[in-house]
Amino acid sequence: MNLKNYYLGKRVMITGGAGFLGSEIIKQLAGFDCEIIVPRKKNYDLTSQEDALACVRQSKPHVIIHAAAWYGGPPIHEAYPAKMFYENTMMGMNVMHASHLCDVEKVVIIGSDCAYPGYLGKEVLSEDDLFSGKPHASAIDYGMVKRFLSVQAWAYNKQYGLNANFLILTNMYGEGDNFNPESSHVVGALIRRFTEAVIENKDEVEVWGSGKPTRNFLYVKDAAQGVIRATALYDSHEPINITTGQGNSIKELAETIAEVTGFRGRLKWLTEKPDGQMKKVLDVSRMKEHLNWQPEFTLKQGLGNTANWYKANKEVADAKKK
């Protein structure tokens, strides 16, 4: 299927359209002949079932991509687990229920690899492993919400025939990311730390943990392309991973960020700090089969683009709290 033919003439609602992933999806859809609808929180509070229903009824979208989320790094999980759980649960459930009531053609839920088991011990996790154990304690508040939403997608498909997809994305990074050390994820936090070390002529940068944990890191431009393709090409309530097929250790990540930021000093590993889940790498067989696609950018390319953007926009990026 030609992607542009799928989107031709459609009204596409993107919740969280002002956010990190949502704004990139909008940029990439700009070349498609479709109408983009971005609900604003000042007009519609998606944690309210009444507001979510009004939003969908009034906008009449053919497709909804639910990218809105309230999340952050470890300090956010530690300080606000109830807010994390409540707001993400209510937004997701309300958007999907409104999609059913308003006969939306398709709703796409953006999931997270936090939903995967945190203690399974497998080298690579496939979609069939999603319910094989509880999520890691460091992100169980967010991970369980996403897992619940995958069940809702299944249930609404079974009972109502709703074409609801659940896409599982991994650690995203890129231009426009969150670089606040109190709320950012690992890539944003490290890019800021190494960039500032270069500016301040430091000869050492501290990095939490041992460097041994392994993750999939997904550049936001690739993430948006994966979502756009899956929306057009994947018609199943079964979850599908959207990520690279490459697992990288935190040590590799830190060393690559040091390289692209021009840091020439040494890395000091704070091994007394927690590592979190030791290995979380996802299988991409289903993605390759159904989307005939894989991410374009290498880790070094994506990190280089992100570091350059941050350096050029540091004052604005640093002023953002989330």
C-alpha atoms as a PDB file:
ATOM      1  CA  MET A   1       0.000   0.000   0.000  1.00  0.00           C
ATOM      2  CA  ASN A   2       1.163   3.513  -0.819  1.00  0.00           C
ATOM      3  CA  LEU A   3       1.242   5.452   2.462  1.00  0.00           C
ATOM      4  CA  LYS A   4      -0.007   8.650   0.887  1.00  0.00           C
ATOM      5  CA  ASN A   5      -3.014   6.822  -0.530  1.00  0.00           C
ATOM      6  CA  TYR A   6      -3.935   5.614   2.952  1.00  0.00           C
ATOM      7  CA  TYR A   7      -3.856   9.103   4.440  1.00  0.00           C
ATOM      8  CA  LEU A   8      -5.434  10.824   1.413  1.00  0.00           C
ATOM      9  CA  GLY A   9      -8.403  12.914   2.572  1.00  0.00           C
ATOM     10  CA  LYS A  10      -8.383  11.523   6.109  1.00  0.00           C
ATOM     11  CA  ARG A  11      -8.800  13.528   9.293  1.00  0.00           C
ATOM     12  CA  VAL A  12      -6.022  12.360  11.614  1.00  0.00           C
ATOM     13  CA  MET A  13      -6.172  13.294  15.291  1.00  0.00           C
ATOM     14  CA  ILE A  14      -2.881  13.212  17.163  1.00  0.00           C
ATOM     15  CA  THR A  15      -3.196  13.511  20.927  1.00  0.00           C
ATOM     16  CA  GLY A  16      -0.029  14.893  22.460  1.00  0.00           C
ATOM     17  CA  GLY A  17       0.611  16.664  19.155  1.00  0.00           C
ATOM     18  CA  ALA A  18       2.618  19.378  20.891  1.00  0.00           C
ATOM     19  CA  GLY A  19       4.840  16.787  22.568  1.00  0.00           C
ATOM     20  CA  PHE A  20       8.101  15.151  21.596  1.00  0.00           C
ATOM     21  CA  LEU A  21       6.818  12.264  19.463  1.00  0.00           C
ATOM     22  CA  GLY A  22       3.518  13.851  18.446  1.00  0.00           C
ATOM     23  CA  SER A  23       5.140  16.952  16.979  1.00  0.00           C
ATOM     24  CA  GLU A  24       7.511  14.819  14.889  1.00  0.00           C
ATOM     25  CA  ILE A  25       4.592  12.741  13.566  1.00  0.00           C
ATOM     26  CA  ILE A  26       2.885  15.966  12.523  1.00  0.00           C
ATOM     27  CA  LYS A  27       6.032  17.186  10.731  1.00  0.00           C
ATOM     28  CA  GLN A  28       6.265  13.975   8.748  1.00  0.00           C
ATOM     29  CA  LEU A  29       2.568  13.931   7.889  1.00  0.00           C
ATOM     30  CA  ALA A  30       2.856  17.466   6.490  1.00  0.00           C
ATOM     31  CA  GLY A  31       3.688  16.004   3.095  1.00  0.00           C
ATOM     32  CA  PHE A  32       0.510  13.914   3.073  1.00  0.00           C
ATOM     33  CA  ASP A  33      -2.853  15.182   1.849  1.00  0.00           C
ATOM     34  CA  CYS A  34      -4.651  14.775   5.169  1.00  0.00           C
ATOM     35  CA  GLU A  35      -6.141  17.052   7.819  1.00  0.00           C
ATOM     36  CA  ILE A  36      -4.254  17.066  11.125  1.00  0.00           C
ATOM     37  CA  ILE A  37      -6.239  17.612  14.327  1.00  0.00           C
ATOM     38  CA  VAL A  38      -4.373  18.375  17.557  1.00  0.00           C
ATOM     39  CA  PRO A  39      -6.581  18.656  20.662  1.00  0.00           C
ATOM     40  CA  ARG A  40      -5.239  21.090  23.256  1.00  0.00           C
ATOM     41  CA  LYS A  41      -5.399  20.453  26.985  1.00  0.00           C
ATOM     42  CA  LYS A  42      -6.855  23.924  27.587  1.00  0.00           C
ATOM     43  CA  ASN A  43      -9.883  22.849  25.530  1.00  0.00           C
ATOM     44  CA  TYR A  44     -10.110  19.143  26.327  1.00  0.00           C
ATOM     45  CA  ASP A  45      -8.865  17.318  29.407  1.00  0.00           C
ATOM     46  CA  LEU A  46      -8.498  13.760  28.148  1.00  0.00           C
ATOM     47  CA  THR A  47      -8.474  12.398  31.706  1.00  0.00           C
ATOM     48  CA  SER A  48     -12.181  13.363  31.683  1.00  0.00           C
ATOM     49  CA  GLN A  49     -14.421  10.914  29.820  1.00  0.00           C
ATOM     50  CA  GLU A  50     -16.827  13.767  29.023  1.00  0.00           C
ATOM     51  CA  ASP A  51     -14.086  15.925  27.509  1.00  0.00           C
ATOM     52  CA  ALA A  52     -12.544  13.045  25.563  1.00  0.00           C
ATOM     53  CA  LEU A  53     -15.917  12.145  24.068  1.00  0.00           C
ATOM     54  CA  ALA A  54     -16.658  15.770  23.188  1.00  0.00           C
ATOM     55  CA  CYS A  55     -13.263  16.105  21.557  1.00  0.00           C
ATOM     56  CA  VAL A  56     -13.755  13.096  19.301  1.00  0.00           C
ATOM     57  CA  ARG A  57     -17.401  13.870  18.522  1.00  0.00           C
ATOM     58  CA  GLN A  58     -16.651  17.438  17.504  1.00  0.00           C
ATOM     59  CA  SER A  59     -13.495  16.666  15.520  1.00  0.00           C
ATOM     60  CA  LYS A  60     -14.859  13.588  13.703  1.00  0.00           C
ATOM     61  CA  PRO A  61     -11.458  12.010  12.971  1.00  0.00           C
ATOM     62  CA  HIS A  62     -11.070   8.951  10.793  1.00  0.00           C
ATOM     63  CA  VAL A  63      -7.882   7.967  12.628  1.00  0.00           C
ATOM     64  CA  ILE A  64      -6.601   8.713  16.139  1.00  0.00           C
ATOM     65  CA  ILE A  65      -2.946   8.331  17.097  1.00  0.00           C
ATOM     66  CA  HIS A  66      -2.862   8.508  20.886  1.00  0.00           C
ATOM     67  CA  ALA A  67       0.612   9.862  21.660  1.00  0.00           C
ATOM     68  CA  ALA A  68      -0.317  11.922  24.733  1.00  0.00           C
ATOM     69  CA  ALA A  69       1.417  10.757  27.905  1.00  0.00           C
ATOM     70  CA  TRP A  70       2.654  12.026  31.247  1.00  0.00           C
ATOM     71  CA  TYR A  71       6.031  10.501  31.979  1.00  0.00           C
ATOM     72  CA  GLY A  72       9.673  11.181  32.836  1.00  0.00           C
ATOM     73  CA  GLY A  73      12.884   9.700  34.118  1.00  0.00           C
ATOM     74  CA  PRO A  74      13.531   7.868  37.418  1.00  0.00           C
ATOM     75  CA  PRO A  75      13.012  10.951  39.671  1.00  0.00           C
ATOM     76  CA  ILE A  76       9.534  11.417  38.185  1.00  0.00           C
ATOM     77  CA  HIS A  77       8.619   7.772  38.761  1.00  0.00           C
ATOM     78  CA  GLU A  78       9.890   8.062  42.312  1.00  0.00           C
ATOM     79  CA  ALA A  79       8.021  11.271  43.142  1.00  0.00           C
ATOM     80  CA  TYR A  80       4.745  10.904  41.210  1.00  0.00           C
ATOM     81  CA  PRO A  81       3.772   7.231  40.723  1.00  0.00           C
ATOM     82  CA  ALA A  82       0.078   7.870  41.393  1.00  0.00           C
ATOM     83  CA  LYS A  83      -0.113  10.792  38.961  1.00  0.00           C
ATOM     84  CA  MET A  84       1.789   8.722  36.396  1.00  0.00           C
ATOM     85  CA  PHE A  85      -0.629   5.819  36.780  1.00  0.00           C
ATOM     86  CA  TYR A  86      -3.865   7.796  36.960  1.00  0.00           C
ATOM     87  CA  GLU A  87      -3.371  10.311  34.168  1.00  0.00           C
ATOM     88  CA  ASN A  88      -2.034   7.839  31.628  1.00  0.00           C
ATOM     89  CA  THR A  89      -4.695   5.244  32.438  1.00  0.00           C
ATOM     90  CA  MET A  90      -7.572   7.703  32.160  1.00  0.00           C
ATOM     91  CA  MET A  91      -6.325   9.347  28.956  1.00  0.00           C
ATOM     92  CA  GLY A  92      -5.819   6.038  27.183  1.00  0.00           C
ATOM     93  CA  MET A  93      -9.072   4.457  28.310  1.00  0.00           C
ATOM     94  CA  ASN A  94     -11.134   7.555  27.517  1.00  0.00           C
ATOM     95  CA  VAL A  95      -9.659   8.024  24.053  1.00  0.00           C
ATOM     96  CA  MET A  96     -10.271   4.392  23.131  1.00  0.00           C
ATOM     97  CA  HIS A  97     -13.806   4.385  24.532  1.00  0.00           C
ATOM     98  CA  ALA A  98     -14.629   7.594  22.674  1.00  0.00           C
ATOM     99  CA  SER A  99     -13.212   6.049  19.493  1.00  0.00           C
ATOM    100  CA  HIS A 100     -15.687   3.192  19.858  1.00  0.00           C
ATOM    101  CA  LEU A 101     -18.662   5.437  20.618  1.00  0.00           C
ATOM    102  CA  CYS A 102     -17.886   7.720  17.672  1.00  0.00           C
ATOM    103  CA  ASP A 103     -17.149   4.941  15.155  1.00  0.00           C
ATOM    104  CA  VAL A 104     -13.564   6.017  14.531  1.00  0.00           C
ATOM    105  CA  GLU A 105     -12.045   3.900  11.758  1.00  0.00           C
ATOM    106  CA  LYS A 106      -8.796   3.265  13.586  1.00  0.00           C
ATOM    107  CA  VAL A 107      -7.159   4.129  16.890  1.00  0.00           C
ATOM    108  CA  VAL A 108      -3.433   3.644  17.462  1.00  0.00           C
ATOM    109  CA  ILE A 109      -2.143   3.510  21.040  1.00  0.00           C
ATOM    110  CA  ILE A 110       1.510   4.372  21.590  1.00  0.00           C
ATOM    111  CA  GLY A 111       2.875   1.889  24.095  1.00  0.00           C
ATOM    112  CA  SER A 112       6.239   1.538  25.812  1.00  0.00           C
ATOM    113  CA  ASP A 113       8.784  -1.196  26.431  1.00  0.00           C
ATOM    114  CA  CYS A 114       8.249  -0.439  30.149  1.00  0.00           C
ATOM    115  CA  ALA A 115       5.252  -2.773  29.795  1.00  0.00           C
ATOM    116  CA  TYR A 116       7.503  -5.787  29.242  1.00  0.00           C
ATOM    117  CA  PRO A 117       8.478  -8.111  32.102  1.00  0.00           C
ATOM    118  CA  GLY A 118      11.384  -6.792  34.097  1.00  0.00           C
ATOM    119  CA  TYR A 119      12.713 -10.053  35.482  1.00  0.00           C
ATOM    120  CA  LEU A 120      12.270 -12.622  32.720  1.00  0.00           C
ATOM    121  CA  GLY A 121      15.947 -13.085  31.948  1.00  0.00           C
ATOM    122  CA  LYS A 122      15.506 -13.526  28.177  1.00  0.00           C
ATOM    123  CA  GLU A 123      18.052 -12.142  25.723  1.00  0.00           C
ATOM    124  CA  VAL A 124      15.369 -10.717  23.415  1.00  0.00           C
ATOM    125  CA  LEU A 125      11.721 -10.014  24.239  1.00  0.00           C
ATOM    126  CA  SER A 126       8.990 -10.683  21.684  1.00  0.00           C
ATOM    127  CA  GLU A 127       5.412  -9.460  21.745  1.00  0.00           C
ATOM    128  CA  ASP A 128       4.343 -12.872  23.059  1.00  0.00           C
ATOM    129  CA  ASP A 129       6.341 -12.200  26.250  1.00  0.00           C
ATOM    130  CA  LEU A 130       4.293  -9.139  27.236  1.00  0.00           C
ATOM    131  CA  PHE A 131       2.375 -10.899  30.023  1.00  0.00           C
ATOM    132  CA  SER A 132       5.075 -13.342  31.125  1.00  0.00           C
ATOM    133  CA  GLY A 133       5.935 -11.446  34.315  1.00  0.00           C
ATOM    134  CA  LYS A 134       5.541  -8.103  36.045  1.00  0.00           C
ATOM    135  CA  PRO A 135       7.278  -4.950  34.754  1.00  0.00           C
ATOM    136  CA  HIS A 136      10.467  -3.779  36.414  1.00  0.00           C
ATOM    137  CA  ALA A 137       9.843  -1.982  39.712  1.00  0.00           C
ATOM    138  CA  SER A 138      11.576   1.170  38.430  1.00  0.00           C
ATOM    139  CA  ALA A 139       8.770   1.841  35.922  1.00  0.00           C
ATOM    140  CA  ILE A 140       5.873  -0.390  36.967  1.00  0.00           C
ATOM    141  CA  ASP A 141       3.517   2.610  37.306  1.00  0.00           C
ATOM    142  CA  TYR A 142       3.872   3.490  33.611  1.00  0.00           C
ATOM    143  CA  GLY A 143       4.468  -0.037  32.336  1.00  0.00           C
ATOM    144  CA  MET A 144       1.290  -1.501  33.825  1.00  0.00           C
ATOM    145  CA  VAL A 145      -0.805   1.304  32.348  1.00  0.00           C
ATOM    146  CA  LYS A 146       0.476   0.522  28.878  1.00  0.00           C
ATOM    147  CA  ARG A 147      -0.137  -3.161  29.445  1.00  0.00           C
ATOM    148  CA  PHE A 148      -3.742  -2.442  30.492  1.00  0.00           C
ATOM    149  CA  LEU A 149      -4.259  -0.434  27.307  1.00  0.00           C
ATOM    150  CA  SER A 150      -3.126  -3.372  25.196  1.00  0.00           C
ATOM    151  CA  VAL A 151      -5.843  -5.421  26.899  1.00  0.00           C
ATOM    152  CA  GLN A 152      -8.400  -2.698  26.191  1.00  0.00           C
ATOM    153  CA  ALA A 153      -7.404  -2.726  22.519  1.00  0.00           C
ATOM    154  CA  TRP A 154      -8.005  -6.488  22.436  1.00  0.00           C
ATOM    155  CA  ALA A 155     -11.314  -6.261  24.315  1.00  0.00           C
ATOM    156  CA  TYR A 156     -12.732  -3.435  22.189  1.00  0.00           C
ATOM    157  CA  ASN A 157     -11.716  -5.252  19.048  1.00  0.00           C
ATOM    158  CA  LYS A 158     -13.362  -8.473  20.239  1.00  0.00           C
ATOM    159  CA  GLN A 159     -16.620  -6.964  21.461  1.00  0.00           C
ATOM    160  CA  TYR A 160     -17.048  -3.905  19.242  1.00  0.00           C
ATOM    161  CA  GLY A 161     -14.839  -4.617  16.236  1.00  0.00           C
ATOM    162  CA  LEU A 162     -12.771  -1.508  16.912  1.00  0.00           C
ATOM    163  CA  ASN A 163      -9.619  -1.428  14.796  1.00  0.00           C
ATOM    164  CA  ALA A 164      -7.304  -0.672  17.721  1.00  0.00           C
ATOM    165  CA  ASN A 165      -3.536  -1.107  17.412  1.00  0.00           C
ATOM    166  CA  PHE A 166      -0.966  -1.158  20.207  1.00  0.00           C
ATOM    167  CA  LEU A 167       2.557  -0.106  19.192  1.00  0.00           C
ATOM    168  CA  ILE A 168       5.441  -0.730  21.599  1.00  0.00           C
ATOM    169  CA  LEU A 169       8.171   1.894  21.231  1.00  0.00           C
ATOM    170  CA  THR A 170      11.526   1.889  23.024  1.00  0.00           C
ATOM    171  CA  ASN A 171      13.753   4.608  24.548  1.00  0.00           C
ATOM    172  CA  MET A 172      13.239   7.610  22.265  1.00  0.00           C
ATOM    173  CA  TYR A 173      15.589  10.520  21.846  1.00  0.00           C
ATOM    174  CA  GLY A 174      16.140  13.324  19.352  1.00  0.00           C
ATOM    175  CA  GLU A 175      15.756  17.005  18.656  1.00  0.00           C
ATOM    176  CA  GLY A 176      13.252  18.633  21.005  1.00  0.00           C
ATOM    177  CA  ASP A 177      13.736  15.979  23.702  1.00  0.00           C
ATOM    178  CA  ASN A 178      13.642  16.731  27.425  1.00  0.00           C
ATOM    179  CA  PHE A 179      17.098  17.650  28.735  1.00  0.00           C
ATOM    180  CA  ASN A 180      16.067  18.575  32.278  1.00  0.00           C
ATOM    181  CA  PRO A 181      18.227  16.521  34.676  1.00  0.00           C
ATOM    182  CA  GLU A 182      15.293  16.131  37.083  1.00  0.00           C
ATOM    183  CA  SER A 183      12.855  14.622  34.598  1.00  0.00           C
ATOM    184  CA  SER A 184      14.698  13.513  31.437  1.00  0.00           C
ATOM    185  CA  HIS A 185      15.518  10.019  30.319  1.00  0.00           C
ATOM    186  CA  VAL A 186      19.064   8.751  29.997  1.00  0.00           C
ATOM    187  CA  VAL A 187      19.911  10.133  26.535  1.00  0.00           C
ATOM    188  CA  GLY A 188      18.744  13.681  27.213  1.00  0.00           C
ATOM    189  CA  ALA A 189      20.410  13.719  30.621  1.00  0.00           C
ATOM    190  CA  LEU A 190      23.751  12.489  29.270  1.00  0.00           C
ATOM    191  CA  ILE A 191      23.789  14.819  26.264  1.00  0.00           C
ATOM    192  CA  ARG A 192      23.299  17.787  28.572  1.00  0.00           C
ATOM    193  CA  ARG A 193      25.941  16.533  31.012  1.00  0.00           C
ATOM    194  CA  PHE A 194      28.595  15.926  28.356  1.00  0.00           C
ATOM    195  CA  THR A 195      27.827  19.155  26.488  1.00  0.00           C
ATOM    196  CA  GLU A 196      28.204  21.180  29.671  1.00  0.00           C
ATOM    197  CA  ALA A 197      31.426  19.332  30.535  1.00  0.00           C
ATOM    198  CA  VAL A 198      32.875  20.461  27.188  1.00  0.00           C
ATOM    199  CA  ILE A 199      31.733  24.058  27.734  1.00  0.00           C
ATOM    200  CA  GLU A 200      33.189  24.107  31.251  1.00  0.00           C
ATOM    201  CA  ASN A 201      36.404  22.269  30.256  1.00  0.00           C
ATOM    202  CA  LYS A 202      35.810  19.452  32.725  1.00  0.00           C
ATOM    203  CA  ASP A 203      38.007  16.385  32.516  1.00  0.00           C
ATOM    204  CA  GLU A 204      35.492  13.984  34.089  1.00  0.00           C
ATOM    205  CA  VAL A 205      31.793  13.161  33.702  1.00  0.00           C
ATOM    206  CA  GLU A 206      29.861  11.024  36.162  1.00  0.00           C
ATOM    207  CA  VAL A 207      27.516   8.359  34.808  1.00  0.00           C
ATOM    208  CA  TRP A 208      25.102   6.374  36.974  1.00  0.00           C
ATOM    209  CA  GLY A 209      25.438   2.605  37.317  1.00  0.00           C
ATOM    210  CA  SER A 210      27.860   0.090  35.869  1.00  0.00           C
ATOM    211  CA  GLY A 211      27.225   0.797  32.183  1.00  0.00           C
ATOM    212  CA  LYS A 212      26.268  -2.838  31.609  1.00  0.00           C
ATOM    213  CA  PRO A 213      22.467  -2.605  31.071  1.00  0.00           C
ATOM    214  CA  THR A 214      21.424  -2.978  27.435  1.00  0.00           C
ATOM    215  CA  ARG A 215      18.574  -1.143  25.711  1.00  0.00           C
ATOM    216  CA  ASN A 216      17.081  -0.306  22.318  1.00  0.00           C
ATOM    217  CA  PHE A 217      17.444   3.412  21.582  1.00  0.00           C
ATOM    218  CA  LEU A 218      15.086   4.826  18.955  1.00  0.00           C
ATOM    219  CA  TYR A 219      15.659   8.147  17.194  1.00  0.00           C
ATOM    220  CA  VAL A 220      12.446  10.182  17.163  1.00  0.00           C
ATOM    221  CA  LYS A 221      12.421  10.606  13.375  1.00  0.00           C
ATOM    222  CA  ASP A 222      12.506   6.824  13.020  1.00  0.00           C
ATOM    223  CA  ALA A 223       9.871   6.442  15.731  1.00  0.00           C
ATOM    224  CA  ALA A 224       7.488   8.780  13.918  1.00  0.00           C
ATOM    225  CA  GLN A 225       8.054   6.991  10.620  1.00  0.00           C
ATOM    226  CA  GLY A 226       7.343   3.659  12.285  1.00  0.00           C
ATOM    227  CA  VAL A 227       4.093   4.964  13.756  1.00  0.00           C
ATOM    228  CA  ILE A 228       2.984   6.432  10.428  1.00  0.00           C
ATOM    229  CA  ARG A 229       3.706   3.150   8.617  1.00  0.00           C
ATOM    230  CA  ALA A 230       2.071   0.971  11.266  1.00  0.00           C
ATOM    231  CA  THR A 231      -1.048   3.147  11.251  1.00  0.00           C
ATOM    232  CA  ALA A 232      -1.422   2.598   7.528  1.00  0.00           C
ATOM    233  CA  LEU A 233      -0.245  -0.996   7.205  1.00  0.00           C
ATOM    234  CA  TYR A 234      -0.929  -2.880  10.435  1.00  0.00           C
ATOM    235  CA  ASP A 235      -4.511  -3.937  11.162  1.00  0.00           C
ATOM    236  CA  SER A 236      -4.319  -6.140  14.240  1.00  0.00           C
ATOM    237  CA  HIS A 237      -5.020  -5.757  17.941  1.00  0.00           C
ATOM    238  CA  GLU A 238      -1.890  -7.835  18.610  1.00  0.00           C
ATOM    239  CA  PRO A 239       0.974  -5.646  19.907  1.00  0.00           C
ATOM    240  CA  ILE A 240       3.865  -4.853  17.580  1.00  0.00           C
ATOM    241  CA  ASN A 241       7.349  -3.621  18.525  1.00  0.00           C
ATOM    242  CA  ILE A 242       8.608  -0.486  16.801  1.00  0.00           C
ATOM    243  CA  THR A 243      12.343  -0.172  17.385  1.00  0.00           C
ATOM    244  CA  THR A 244      15.796  -0.944  16.082  1.00  0.00           C
ATOM    245  CA  GLY A 245      17.067  -4.503  16.056  1.00  0.00           C
ATOM    246  CA  GLN A 246      20.205  -3.325  17.823  1.00  0.00           C
ATOM    247  CA  GLY A 247      20.793  -3.495  21.568  1.00  0.00           C
ATOM    248  CA  ASN A 248      23.329  -1.033  22.976  1.00  0.00           C
ATOM    249  CA  SER A 249      24.779  -0.944  26.466  1.00  0.00           C
ATOM    250  CA  ILE A 250      24.688   2.215  28.547  1.00  0.00           C
ATOM    251  CA  LYS A 251      28.487   2.184  28.288  1.00  0.00           C
ATOM    252  CA  GLU A 252      28.262   2.253  24.488  1.00  0.00           C
ATOM    253  CA  LEU A 253      25.671   5.001  24.711  1.00  0.00           C
ATOM    254  CA  ALA A 254      27.790   7.160  27.016  1.00  0.00           C
ATOM    255  CA  GLU A 255      30.938   6.662  24.947  1.00  0.00           C
ATOM    256  CA  THR A 256      29.101   7.587  21.736  1.00  0.00           C
ATOM    257  CA  ILE A 257      27.638  10.718  23.337  1.00  0.00           C
ATOM    258  CA  ALA A 258      31.124  11.654  24.548  1.00  0.00           C
ATOM    259  CA  GLU A 259      32.357  11.298  20.960  1.00  0.00           C
ATOM    260  CA  VAL A 260      29.601  13.324  19.268  1.00  0.00           C
ATOM    261  CA  THR A 261      29.776  16.123  21.864  1.00  0.00           C
ATOM    262  CA  GLY A 262      33.565  16.334  21.640  1.00  0.00           C
ATOM    263  CA  PHE A 263      34.237  15.332  25.239  1.00  0.00           C
ATOM    264  CA  ARG A 264      37.765  13.986  25.639  1.00  0.00           C
ATOM    265  CA  GLY A 265      37.917  13.360  29.383  1.00  0.00           C
ATOM    266  CA  ARG A 266      37.174  10.225  31.369  1.00  0.00           C
ATOM    267  CA  LEU A 267      33.897   8.654  32.428  1.00  0.00           C
ATOM    268  CA  LYS A 268      33.413   7.997  36.134  1.00  0.00           C
ATOM    269  CA  TRP A 269      30.917   5.191  36.692  1.00  0.00           C
ATOM    270  CA  LEU A 270      28.905   5.542  39.900  1.00  0.00           C
ATOM    271  CA  THR A 271      28.480   1.836  40.471  1.00  0.00           C
ATOM    272  CA  GLU A 272      26.655   2.382  43.751  1.00  0.00           C
ATOM    273  CA  LYS A 273      23.752   3.885  41.756  1.00  0.00           C
ATOM    274  CA  PRO A 274      21.040   1.494  40.478  1.00  0.00           C
ATOM    275  CA  ASP A 275      21.295  -0.040  37.021  1.00  0.00           C
ATOM    276  CA  GLY A 276      17.603  -0.849  36.650  1.00  0.00           C
ATOM    277  CA  GLN A 277      16.644  -3.728  34.377  1.00  0.00           C
ATOM    278  CA  MET A 278      19.848  -5.288  33.044  1.00  0.00           C
ATOM    279  CA  LYS A 279      18.649  -6.260  29.569  1.00  0.00           C
ATOM    280  CA  LYS A 280      15.663  -4.986  27.605  1.00  0.00           C
ATOM    281  CA  VAL A 281      16.025  -5.607  23.882  1.00  0.00           C
ATOM    282  CA  LEU A 282      12.975  -6.238  21.700  1.00  0.00           C
ATOM    283  CA  ASP A 283      12.420  -8.602  18.803  1.00  0.00           C
ATOM    284  CA  VAL A 284      11.604  -6.863  15.506  1.00  0.00           C
ATOM    285  CA  SER A 285      10.488  -9.858  13.423  1.00  0.00           C
ATOM    286  CA  ARG A 286       6.813  -8.849  13.448  1.00  0.00           C
ATOM    287  CA  MET A 287       7.705  -5.270  12.521  1.00  0.00           C
ATOM    288  CA  LYS A 288       9.836  -6.331   9.559  1.00  0.00           C
ATOM    289  CA  GLU A 289       7.189  -8.782   8.341  1.00  0.00           C
ATOM    290  CA  HIS A 290       4.199  -6.442   8.510  1.00  0.00           C
ATOM    291  CA  LEU A 291       5.785  -3.048   7.865  1.00  0.00           C
ATOM    292  CA  ASN A 292       8.610  -4.105   5.521  1.00  0.00           C
ATOM    293  CA  TRP A 293      10.691  -1.458   7.244  1.00  0.00           C
ATOM    294  CA  GLN A 294      13.461  -0.829   9.712  1.00  0.00           C
ATOM    295  CA  PRO A 295      14.796   2.400  11.250  1.00  0.00           C
ATOM    296  CA  GLU A 296      17.083   4.449   9.032  1.00  0.00           C
ATOM    297  CA  PHE A 297      19.424   6.190  11.477  1.00  0.00           C
ATOM    298  CA  THR A 298      22.336   4.605  13.312  1.00  0.00           C
ATOM    299  CA  LEU A 299      22.801   5.391  16.993  1.00  0.00           C
ATOM    300  CA  LYS A 300      25.777   7.637  16.223  1.00  0.00           C
ATOM    301  CA  GLN A 301      23.875   9.546  13.541  1.00  0.00           C
ATOM    302  CA  GLY A 302      20.846  10.096  15.752  1.00  0.00           C
ATOM    303  CA  LEU A 303      22.910  11.096  18.771  1.00  0.00           C
ATOM    304  CA  GLY A 304      25.015  13.441  16.655  1.00  0.00           C
ATOM    305  CA  ASN A 305      21.921  15.196  15.312  1.00  0.00           C
ATOM    306  CA  THR A 306      20.466  15.438  18.810  1.00  0.00           C
ATOM    307  CA  ALA A 307      23.669  16.770  20.380  1.00  0.00           C
ATOM    308  CA  ASN A 308      24.055  19.387  17.644  1.00  0.00           C
ATOM    309  CA  TRP A 309      20.453  20.505  18.099  1.00  0.00           C
ATOM    310  CA  TYR A 310      20.860  20.746  21.857  1.00  0.00           C
ATOM    311  CA  LYS A 311      24.042  22.809  21.581  1.00  0.00           C
ATOM    312  CA  ALA A 312      22.360  25.201  19.139  1.00  0.00           C
ATOM    313  CA  ASN A 313      19.193  25.489  21.245  1.00  0.00           C
ATOM    314  CA  LYS A 314      20.617  25.028  24.732  1.00  0.00           C
ATOM    315  CA  GLU A 315      19.066  28.054  26.393  1.00  0.00           C
ATOM    316  CA  VAL A 316      15.546  27.204  25.204  1.00  0.00           C
ATOM    317  CA  ALA A 317      15.982  23.480  25.889  1.00  0.00           C
ATOM    318  CA  ASP A 318      17.286  24.091  29.400  1.00  0.00           C
ATOM    319  CA  ALA A 319      14.328  26.331  30.209  1.00  0.00           C
ATOM    320  CA  LYS A 320      11.862  23.526  29.562  1.00  0.00           C
ATOM    321  CA  LYS A 321      10.867  21.678  32.731  1.00  0.00           C
ATOM    322  CA  LYS A 322       9.481  18.655  30.901  1.00  0.00           C
END
